[in-house]
Amino acid sequence: EVQLVESGGGLVQAGGSLRLSCTASGFNADDYPIGWFRQAPGKEREGVSCITSSDGTDGIIDYADSVKGRFTVSRDDAKNTVYLQMNNLQTEDTAVYSCASLCSGYYSGRYYNRYYGMDYWGKGTLVTVSS
């Protein structure tokens, strides 16, 4: 069974840090782009970060402008896991964070997507940043 499972969310004070994990099962995550997305209450889902295969020619590590310099995406292929390290969290970062086997959104101010034929989403993990 193909699955993406997020973990690591929680409650943190503004200025704090969290590390989210997106663990894949049933497929090799390194063969696909992995996007982190977030959706805050009353807002549309937005792309947060995109990381593509470490072996591919289309090597991408990119971020939404709103998180650039604060969030870092990485992957551990041995664990079939993609991480999102979030530092200097702000109240506006409060949202449900999900990972997916695709990227879509505005990264570095440009809209683009990466889709390799598989569209799987995790159920999400809640990040709440208090002031």
Foldseek 3Di string as FASTA:
>chain_A
DWAWAKDWADEAAAQAKIKMKIAIPPDQLLQFKKWKWWDDPPGDIATAWIAHHPPDPPGDTWGDPVQPPFWGWDDDRVRSMIMIIGGRDDQVVWTWMKMWRKGFHATPNDTDITDDPDTHMHPTDTHGYHD
